[in-house]
Amino acid sequence: MSPDAAALTIGELEANYSLYCKALRLLIREGKSINKVRRTVCWQRLETLHTCLPNQYRDPDYLFALLKRELGGESVAQPV
């Protein structure tokens, strides 16, 4: 765990959960690979939430796959 993550409380992480998901969505939309995304702050914080509260927060790997599938459908549905 990084020093920054240790300084944050679970409450602070929970309060910013939607921001981490939004950042993950943007990274996927930009076409970043899973390996690059795993090195980001948003991934680390999503991982921390999942580790501490696994019944409330999904594994970041699952979120990545879910968002990638969702965004893949979006790009096909857009008009040309």
PDB file of N, CA and C in Angstrom:
ATOM      1  N   MET A   1       0.858  -1.178   0.000  1.00  0.00           N
ATOM      2  CA  MET A   1       0.000   0.000   0.000  1.00  0.00           C
ATOM      3  C   MET A   1       0.904   1.241   0.000  1.00  0.00           C
ATOM      4  N   SER A   2       0.573   2.226  -0.807  1.00  0.00           N
ATOM      5  CA  SER A   2       1.372   3.443  -0.901  1.00  0.00           C
ATOM      6  C   SER A   2       1.140   4.329   0.321  1.00  0.00           C
ATOM      7  N   PRO A   3       2.082   5.232   0.612  1.00  0.00           N
ATOM      8  CA  PRO A   3       1.906   6.133   1.763  1.00  0.00           C
ATOM      9  C   PRO A   3       0.651   6.997   1.638  1.00  0.00           C
ATOM     10  N   ASP A   4       0.304   7.415   0.419  1.00  0.00           N
ATOM     11  CA  ASP A   4      -0.905   8.225   0.231  1.00  0.00           C
ATOM     12  C   ASP A   4      -2.156   7.448   0.606  1.00  0.00           C
ATOM     13  N   ALA A   5      -2.217   6.182   0.196  1.00  0.00           N
ATOM     14  CA  ALA A   5      -3.389   5.358   0.491  1.00  0.00           C
ATOM     15  C   ALA A   5      -3.507   5.126   1.993  1.00  0.00           C
ATOM     16  N   ALA A   6      -2.365   4.998   2.680  1.00  0.00           N
ATOM     17  CA  ALA A   6      -2.386   4.769   4.117  1.00  0.00           C
ATOM     18  C   ALA A   6      -2.929   5.995   4.849  1.00  0.00           C
ATOM     19  N   ALA A   7      -2.740   7.172   4.277  1.00  0.00           N
ATOM     20  CA  ALA A   7      -3.187   8.398   4.922  1.00  0.00           C
ATOM     21  C   ALA A   7      -4.697   8.600   4.770  1.00  0.00           C
ATOM     22  N   LEU A   8      -5.311   7.935   3.798  1.00  0.00           N
ATOM     23  CA  LEU A   8      -6.748   8.074   3.584  1.00  0.00           C
ATOM     24  C   LEU A   8      -7.514   7.103   4.474  1.00  0.00           C
ATOM     25  N   THR A   9      -8.663   7.560   4.937  1.00  0.00           N
ATOM     26  CA  THR A   9      -9.522   6.666   5.711  1.00  0.00           C
ATOM     27  C   THR A   9     -10.451   5.921   4.752  1.00  0.00           C
ATOM     28  N   ILE A  10     -11.053   4.861   5.232  1.00  0.00           N
ATOM     29  CA  ILE A  10     -12.016   4.122   4.426  1.00  0.00           C
ATOM     30  C   ILE A  10     -13.185   5.035   4.061  1.00  0.00           C
ATOM     31  N   GLY A  11     -13.590   5.886   4.973  1.00  0.00           N
ATOM     32  CA  GLY A  11     -14.677   6.829   4.700  1.00  0.00           C
ATOM     33  C   GLY A  11     -14.350   7.759   3.539  1.00  0.00           C
ATOM     34  N   GLU A  12     -13.103   8.228   3.499  1.00  0.00           N
ATOM     35  CA  GLU A  12     -12.679   9.098   2.396  1.00  0.00           C
ATOM     36  C   GLU A  12     -12.650   8.332   1.076  1.00  0.00           C
ATOM     37  N   LEU A  13     -12.181   7.095   1.140  1.00  0.00           N
ATOM     38  CA  LEU A  13     -12.172   6.265  -0.067  1.00  0.00           C
ATOM     39  C   LEU A  13     -13.601   6.019  -0.554  1.00  0.00           C
ATOM     40  N   GLU A  14     -14.493   5.703   0.379  1.00  0.00           N
ATOM     41  CA  GLU A  14     -15.887   5.461   0.016  1.00  0.00           C
ATOM     42  C   GLU A  14     -16.540   6.705  -0.584  1.00  0.00           C
ATOM     43  N   ALA A  15     -16.219   7.865  -0.022  1.00  0.00           N
ATOM     44  CA  ALA A  15     -16.807   9.114  -0.507  1.00  0.00           C
ATOM     45  C   ALA A  15     -16.391   9.409  -1.948  1.00  0.00           C
ATOM     46  N   ASN A  16     -15.227   8.924  -2.351  1.00  0.00           N
ATOM     47  CA  ASN A  16     -14.714   9.194  -3.692  1.00  0.00           C
ATOM     48  C   ASN A  16     -14.843   8.006  -4.641  1.00  0.00           C
ATOM     49  N   TYR A  17     -15.579   6.997  -4.236  1.00  0.00           N
ATOM     50  CA  TYR A  17     -15.732   5.786  -5.052  1.00  0.00           C
ATOM     51  C   TYR A  17     -16.203   6.094  -6.477  1.00  0.00           C
ATOM     52  N   SER A  18     -17.178   6.957  -6.608  1.00  0.00           N
ATOM     53  CA  SER A  18     -17.707   7.266  -7.944  1.00  0.00           C
ATOM     54  C   SER A  18     -16.643   7.943  -8.813  1.00  0.00           C
ATOM     55  N   LEU A  19     -15.770   8.725  -8.201  1.00  0.00           N
ATOM     56  CA  LEU A  19     -14.686   9.360  -8.955  1.00  0.00           C
ATOM     57  C   LEU A  19     -13.690   8.322  -9.461  1.00  0.00           C
ATOM     58  N   TYR A  20     -13.390   7.320  -8.632  1.00  0.00           N
ATOM     59  CA  TYR A  20     -12.463   6.271  -9.050  1.00  0.00           C
ATOM     60  C   TYR A  20     -13.056   5.468 -10.206  1.00  0.00           C
ATOM     61  N   CYS A  21     -14.350   5.210 -10.127  1.00  0.00           N
ATOM     62  CA  CYS A  21     -15.020   4.489 -11.217  1.00  0.00           C
ATOM     63  C   CYS A  21     -15.028   5.323 -12.501  1.00  0.00           C
ATOM     64  N   LYS A  22     -15.234   6.616 -12.350  1.00  0.00           N
ATOM     65  CA  LYS A  22     -15.227   7.510 -13.508  1.00  0.00           C
ATOM     66  C   LYS A  22     -13.838   7.541 -14.141  1.00  0.00           C
ATOM     67  N   ALA A  23     -12.804   7.606 -13.321  1.00  0.00           N
ATOM     68  CA  ALA A  23     -11.431   7.588 -13.827  1.00  0.00           C
ATOM     69  C   ALA A  23     -11.139   6.285 -14.552  1.00  0.00           C
ATOM     70  N   LEU A  24     -11.610   5.176 -13.990  1.00  0.00           N
ATOM     71  CA  LEU A  24     -11.427   3.871 -14.627  1.00  0.00           C
ATOM     72  C   LEU A  24     -12.125   3.839 -15.983  1.00  0.00           C
ATOM     73  N   ARG A  25     -13.324   4.361 -16.031  1.00  0.00           N
ATOM     74  CA  ARG A  25     -14.087   4.432 -17.284  1.00  0.00           C
ATOM     75  C   ARG A  25     -13.329   5.255 -18.341  1.00  0.00           C
ATOM     76  N   LEU A  26     -12.756   6.390 -17.927  1.00  0.00           N
ATOM     77  CA  LEU A  26     -12.006   7.238 -18.859  1.00  0.00           C
ATOM     78  C   LEU A  26     -10.756   6.531 -19.376  1.00  0.00           C
ATOM     79  N   LEU A  27     -10.069   5.825 -18.500  1.00  0.00           N
ATOM     80  CA  LEU A  27      -8.879   5.085 -18.916  1.00  0.00           C
ATOM     81  C   LEU A  27      -9.226   4.007 -19.939  1.00  0.00           C
ATOM     82  N   ILE A  28     -10.335   3.325 -19.713  1.00  0.00           N
ATOM     83  CA  ILE A  28     -10.790   2.292 -20.646  1.00  0.00           C
ATOM     84  C   ILE A  28     -11.185   2.931 -21.968  1.00  0.00           C
ATOM     85  N   ARG A  29     -11.888   4.040 -21.907  1.00  0.00           N
ATOM     86  CA  ARG A  29     -12.313   4.751 -23.117  1.00  0.00           C
ATOM     87  C   ARG A  29     -11.104   5.197 -23.941  1.00  0.00           C
ATOM     88  N   GLU A  30      -9.991   5.532 -23.252  1.00  0.00           N
ATOM     89  CA  GLU A  30      -8.760   5.943 -23.925  1.00  0.00           C
ATOM     90  C   GLU A  30      -8.010   4.747 -24.520  1.00  0.00           C
ATOM     91  N   GLY A  31      -8.472   3.542 -24.203  1.00  0.00           N
ATOM     92  CA  GLY A  31      -7.846   2.350 -24.756  1.00  0.00           C
ATOM     93  C   GLY A  31      -6.641   1.838 -23.982  1.00  0.00           C
ATOM     94  N   LYS A  32      -6.512   2.233 -22.726  1.00  0.00           N
ATOM     95  CA  LYS A  32      -5.391   1.779 -21.901  1.00  0.00           C
ATOM     96  C   LYS A  32      -5.509   0.281 -21.622  1.00  0.00           C
ATOM     97  N   SER A  33      -4.370  -0.385 -21.587  1.00  0.00           N
ATOM     98  CA  SER A  33      -4.356  -1.818 -21.301  1.00  0.00           C
ATOM     99  C   SER A  33      -4.577  -2.049 -19.807  1.00  0.00           C
ATOM    100  N   ILE A  34      -4.960  -3.261 -19.478  1.00  0.00           N
ATOM    101  CA  ILE A  34      -5.192  -3.618 -18.073  1.00  0.00           C
ATOM    102  C   ILE A  34      -3.913  -3.422 -17.255  1.00  0.00           C
ATOM    103  N   ASN A  35      -2.758  -3.721 -17.847  1.00  0.00           N
ATOM    104  CA  ASN A  35      -1.495  -3.561 -17.120  1.00  0.00           C
ATOM    105  C   ASN A  35      -1.205  -2.102 -16.801  1.00  0.00           C
ATOM    106  N   LYS A  36      -1.510  -1.196 -17.724  1.00  0.00           N
ATOM    107  CA  LYS A  36      -1.311   0.231 -17.461  1.00  0.00           C
ATOM    108  C   LYS A  36      -2.310   0.733 -16.427  1.00  0.00           C
ATOM    109  N   VAL A  37      -3.537   0.271 -16.530  1.00  0.00           N
ATOM    110  CA  VAL A  37      -4.575   0.712 -15.593  1.00  0.00           C
ATOM    111  C   VAL A  37      -4.262   0.234 -14.177  1.00  0.00           C
ATOM    112  N   ARG A  38      -3.688  -0.944 -14.048  1.00  0.00           N
ATOM    113  CA  ARG A  38      -3.348  -1.482 -12.717  1.00  0.00           C
ATOM    114  C   ARG A  38      -2.309  -0.633 -11.989  1.00  0.00           C
ATOM    115  N   ARG A  39      -1.595   0.219 -12.695  1.00  0.00           N
ATOM    116  CA  ARG A  39      -0.570   1.067 -12.072  1.00  0.00           C
ATOM    117  C   ARG A  39      -1.103   2.446 -11.683  1.00  0.00           C
ATOM    118  N   THR A  40      -2.400   2.656 -11.806  1.00  0.00           N
ATOM    119  CA  THR A  40      -2.968   3.971 -11.515  1.00  0.00           C
ATOM    120  C   THR A  40      -3.440   4.090 -10.064  1.00  0.00           C
ATOM    121  N   VAL A  41      -3.600   5.314  -9.631  1.00  0.00           N
ATOM    122  CA  VAL A  41      -4.093   5.590  -8.276  1.00  0.00           C
ATOM    123  C   VAL A  41      -5.532   5.097  -8.130  1.00  0.00           C
ATOM    124  N   CYS A  42      -6.355   5.318  -9.162  1.00  0.00           N
ATOM    125  CA  CYS A  42      -7.756   4.899  -9.029  1.00  0.00           C
ATOM    126  C   CYS A  42      -7.838   3.382  -8.830  1.00  0.00           C
ATOM    127  N   TRP A  43      -7.014   2.629  -9.527  1.00  0.00           N
ATOM    128  CA  TRP A  43      -7.010   1.165  -9.378  1.00  0.00           C
ATOM    129  C   TRP A  43      -6.616   0.788  -7.949  1.00  0.00           C
ATOM    130  N   GLN A  44      -5.562   1.412  -7.434  1.00  0.00           N
ATOM    131  CA  GLN A  44      -5.102   1.103  -6.079  1.00  0.00           C
ATOM    132  C   GLN A  44      -6.188   1.381  -5.047  1.00  0.00           C
ATOM    133  N   ARG A  45      -6.907   2.468  -5.247  1.00  0.00           N
ATOM    134  CA  ARG A  45      -7.947   2.817  -4.279  1.00  0.00           C
ATOM    135  C   ARG A  45      -9.162   1.915  -4.402  1.00  0.00           C
ATOM    136  N   LEU A  46      -9.508   1.528  -5.623  1.00  0.00           N
ATOM    137  CA  LEU A  46     -10.597   0.559  -5.801  1.00  0.00           C
ATOM    138  C   LEU A  46     -10.208  -0.787  -5.189  1.00  0.00           C
ATOM    139  N   GLU A  47      -8.954  -1.152  -5.338  1.00  0.00           N
ATOM    140  CA  GLU A  47      -8.455  -2.400  -4.766  1.00  0.00           C
ATOM    141  C   GLU A  47      -8.495  -2.356  -3.241  1.00  0.00           C
ATOM    142  N   THR A  48      -8.132  -1.220  -2.666  1.00  0.00           N
ATOM    143  CA  THR A  48      -8.174  -1.060  -1.211  1.00  0.00           C
ATOM    144  C   THR A  48      -9.603  -1.193  -0.694  1.00  0.00           C
ATOM    145  N   LEU A  49     -10.546  -0.548  -1.369  1.00  0.00           N
ATOM    146  CA  LEU A  49     -11.947  -0.657  -0.963  1.00  0.00           C
ATOM    147  C   LEU A  49     -12.424  -2.104  -1.036  1.00  0.00           C
ATOM    148  N   HIS A  50     -12.071  -2.781  -2.120  1.00  0.00           N
ATOM    149  CA  HIS A  50     -12.501  -4.176  -2.271  1.00  0.00           C
ATOM    150  C   HIS A  50     -11.872  -5.065  -1.194  1.00  0.00           C
ATOM    151  N   THR A  51     -10.616  -4.818  -0.885  1.00  0.00           N
ATOM    152  CA  THR A  51      -9.920  -5.622   0.129  1.00  0.00           C
ATOM    153  C   THR A  51     -10.535  -5.410   1.513  1.00  0.00           C
ATOM    154  N   CYS A  52     -10.843  -4.155   1.828  1.00  0.00           N
ATOM    155  CA  CYS A  52     -11.389  -3.843   3.158  1.00  0.00           C
ATOM    156  C   CYS A  52     -12.871  -4.161   3.293  1.00  0.00           C
ATOM    157  N   LEU A  53     -13.619  -3.965   2.214  1.00  0.00           N
ATOM    158  CA  LEU A  53     -15.075  -4.170   2.245  1.00  0.00           C
ATOM    159  C   LEU A  53     -15.519  -4.978   1.016  1.00  0.00           C
ATOM    160  N   PRO A  54     -15.118  -6.248   0.945  1.00  0.00           N
ATOM    161  CA  PRO A  54     -15.398  -7.044  -0.259  1.00  0.00           C
ATOM    162  C   PRO A  54     -16.881  -7.279  -0.540  1.00  0.00           C
ATOM    163  N   ASN A  55     -17.719  -7.206   0.470  1.00  0.00           N
ATOM    164  CA  ASN A  55     -19.152  -7.402   0.241  1.00  0.00           C
ATOM    165  C   ASN A  55     -19.829  -6.166  -0.341  1.00  0.00           C
ATOM    166  N   GLN A  56     -19.163  -5.013  -0.236  1.00  0.00           N
ATOM    167  CA  GLN A  56     -19.745  -3.765  -0.727  1.00  0.00           C
ATOM    168  C   GLN A  56     -19.134  -3.305  -2.050  1.00  0.00           C
ATOM    169  N   TYR A  57     -17.858  -3.623  -2.276  1.00  0.00           N
ATOM    170  CA  TYR A  57     -17.154  -3.125  -3.453  1.00  0.00           C
ATOM    171  C   TYR A  57     -16.572  -4.274  -4.269  1.00  0.00           C
ATOM    172  N   ARG A  58     -16.799  -4.224  -5.563  1.00  0.00           N
ATOM    173  CA  ARG A  58     -16.329  -5.272  -6.475  1.00  0.00           C
ATOM    174  C   ARG A  58     -14.822  -5.197  -6.675  1.00  0.00           C
ATOM    175  N   ASP A  59     -14.270  -6.323  -7.083  1.00  0.00           N
ATOM    176  CA  ASP A  59     -12.865  -6.425  -7.450  1.00  0.00           C
ATOM    177  C   ASP A  59     -12.621  -5.525  -8.663  1.00  0.00           C
ATOM    178  N   PRO A  60     -11.536  -4.738  -8.668  1.00  0.00           N
ATOM    179  CA  PRO A  60     -11.263  -3.873  -9.817  1.00  0.00           C
ATOM    180  C   PRO A  60     -11.151  -4.637 -11.144  1.00  0.00           C
ATOM    181  N   ASP A  61     -10.672  -5.873 -11.103  1.00  0.00           N
ATOM    182  CA  ASP A  61     -10.607  -6.686 -12.329  1.00  0.00           C
ATOM    183  C   ASP A  61     -12.007  -6.904 -12.897  1.00  0.00           C
ATOM    184  N   TYR A  62     -12.960  -7.159 -12.018  1.00  0.00           N
ATOM    185  CA  TYR A  62     -14.343  -7.343 -12.441  1.00  0.00           C
ATOM    186  C   TYR A  62     -14.900  -6.034 -13.010  1.00  0.00           C
ATOM    187  N   LEU A  63     -14.641  -4.927 -12.316  1.00  0.00           N
ATOM    188  CA  LEU A  63     -15.118  -3.620 -12.790  1.00  0.00           C
ATOM    189  C   LEU A  63     -14.526  -3.290 -14.161  1.00  0.00           C
ATOM    190  N   PHE A  64     -13.243  -3.594 -14.334  1.00  0.00           N
ATOM    191  CA  PHE A  64     -12.584  -3.332 -15.614  1.00  0.00           C
ATOM    192  C   PHE A  64     -13.284  -4.108 -16.730  1.00  0.00           C
ATOM    193  N   ALA A  65     -13.512  -5.398 -16.512  1.00  0.00           N
ATOM    194  CA  ALA A  65     -14.169  -6.225 -17.526  1.00  0.00           C
ATOM    195  C   ALA A  65     -15.591  -5.733 -17.807  1.00  0.00           C
ATOM    196  N   LEU A  66     -16.310  -5.391 -16.763  1.00  0.00           N
ATOM    197  CA  LEU A  66     -17.688  -4.914 -16.908  1.00  0.00           C
ATOM    198  C   LEU A  66     -17.739  -3.607 -17.700  1.00  0.00           C
ATOM    199  N   LEU A  67     -16.891  -2.648 -17.330  1.00  0.00           N
ATOM    200  CA  LEU A  67     -16.878  -1.357 -18.022  1.00  0.00           C
ATOM    201  C   LEU A  67     -16.371  -1.489 -19.450  1.00  0.00           C
ATOM    202  N   LYS A  68     -15.391  -2.352 -19.650  1.00  0.00           N
ATOM    203  CA  LYS A  68     -14.862  -2.554 -20.999  1.00  0.00           C
ATOM    204  C   LYS A  68     -15.948  -3.119 -21.911  1.00  0.00           C
ATOM    205  N   ARG A  69     -16.710  -4.077 -21.400  1.00  0.00           N
ATOM    206  CA  ARG A  69     -17.804  -4.653 -22.182  1.00  0.00           C
ATOM    207  C   ARG A  69     -18.880  -3.599 -22.441  1.00  0.00           C
ATOM    208  N   GLU A  70     -19.204  -2.815 -21.415  1.00  0.00           N
ATOM    209  CA  GLU A  70     -20.220  -1.767 -21.542  1.00  0.00           C
ATOM    210  C   GLU A  70     -19.788  -0.708 -22.561  1.00  0.00           C
ATOM    211  N   LEU A  71     -18.548  -0.270 -22.477  1.00  0.00           N
ATOM    212  CA  LEU A  71     -18.052   0.754 -23.390  1.00  0.00           C
ATOM    213  C   LEU A  71     -17.850   0.210 -24.800  1.00  0.00           C
ATOM    214  N   GLY A  72     -17.571  -1.068 -24.906  1.00  0.00           N
ATOM    215  CA  GLY A  72     -17.455  -1.691 -26.222  1.00  0.00           C
ATOM    216  C   GLY A  72     -18.782  -1.644 -26.938  1.00  0.00           C
ATOM    217  N   GLY A  73     -19.863  -1.867 -26.230  1.00  0.00           N
ATOM    218  CA  GLY A  73     -21.201  -1.785 -26.800  1.00  0.00           C
ATOM    219  C   GLY A  73     -21.552  -0.362 -27.177  1.00  0.00           C
ATOM    220  N   GLU A  74     -21.070   0.604 -26.384  1.00  0.00           N
ATOM    221  CA  GLU A  74     -21.336   2.017 -26.662  1.00  0.00           C
ATOM    222  C   GLU A  74     -20.713   2.435 -27.988  1.00  0.00           C
ATOM    223  N   SER A  75     -19.465   2.014 -28.213  1.00  0.00           N
ATOM    224  CA  SER A  75     -18.774   2.469 -29.416  1.00  0.00           C
ATOM    225  C   SER A  75     -19.408   1.902 -30.668  1.00  0.00           C
ATOM    226  N   VAL A  76     -19.984   0.713 -30.591  1.00  0.00           N
ATOM    227  CA  VAL A  76     -20.666   0.105 -31.734  1.00  0.00           C
ATOM    228  C   VAL A  76     -21.989   0.814 -32.000  1.00  0.00           C
ATOM    229  N   ALA A  77     -22.663   1.268 -30.946  1.00  0.00           N
ATOM    230  CA  ALA A  77     -23.985   1.856 -31.075  1.00  0.00           C
ATOM    231  C   ALA A  77     -23.950   3.318 -31.561  1.00  0.00           C
ATOM    232  N   GLN A  78     -22.789   3.957 -31.537  1.00  0.00           N
ATOM    233  CA  GLN A  78     -22.717   5.363 -31.935  1.00  0.00           C
ATOM    234  C   GLN A  78     -22.918   5.503 -33.441  1.00  0.00           C
ATOM    235  N   PRO A  79     -23.630   6.550 -33.871  1.00  0.00           N
ATOM    236  CA  PRO A  79     -23.821   6.770 -35.304  1.00  0.00           C
ATOM    237  C   PRO A  79     -22.513   7.149 -35.979  1.00  0.00           C
ATOM    238  N   VAL A  80     -22.400   6.771 -37.232  1.00  0.00           N
ATOM    239  CA  VAL A  80     -21.155   7.030 -37.981  1.00  0.00           C
ATOM    240  C   VAL A  80     -21.217   8.351 -38.685  1.00  0.00           C
TER     241      VAL A  80
END
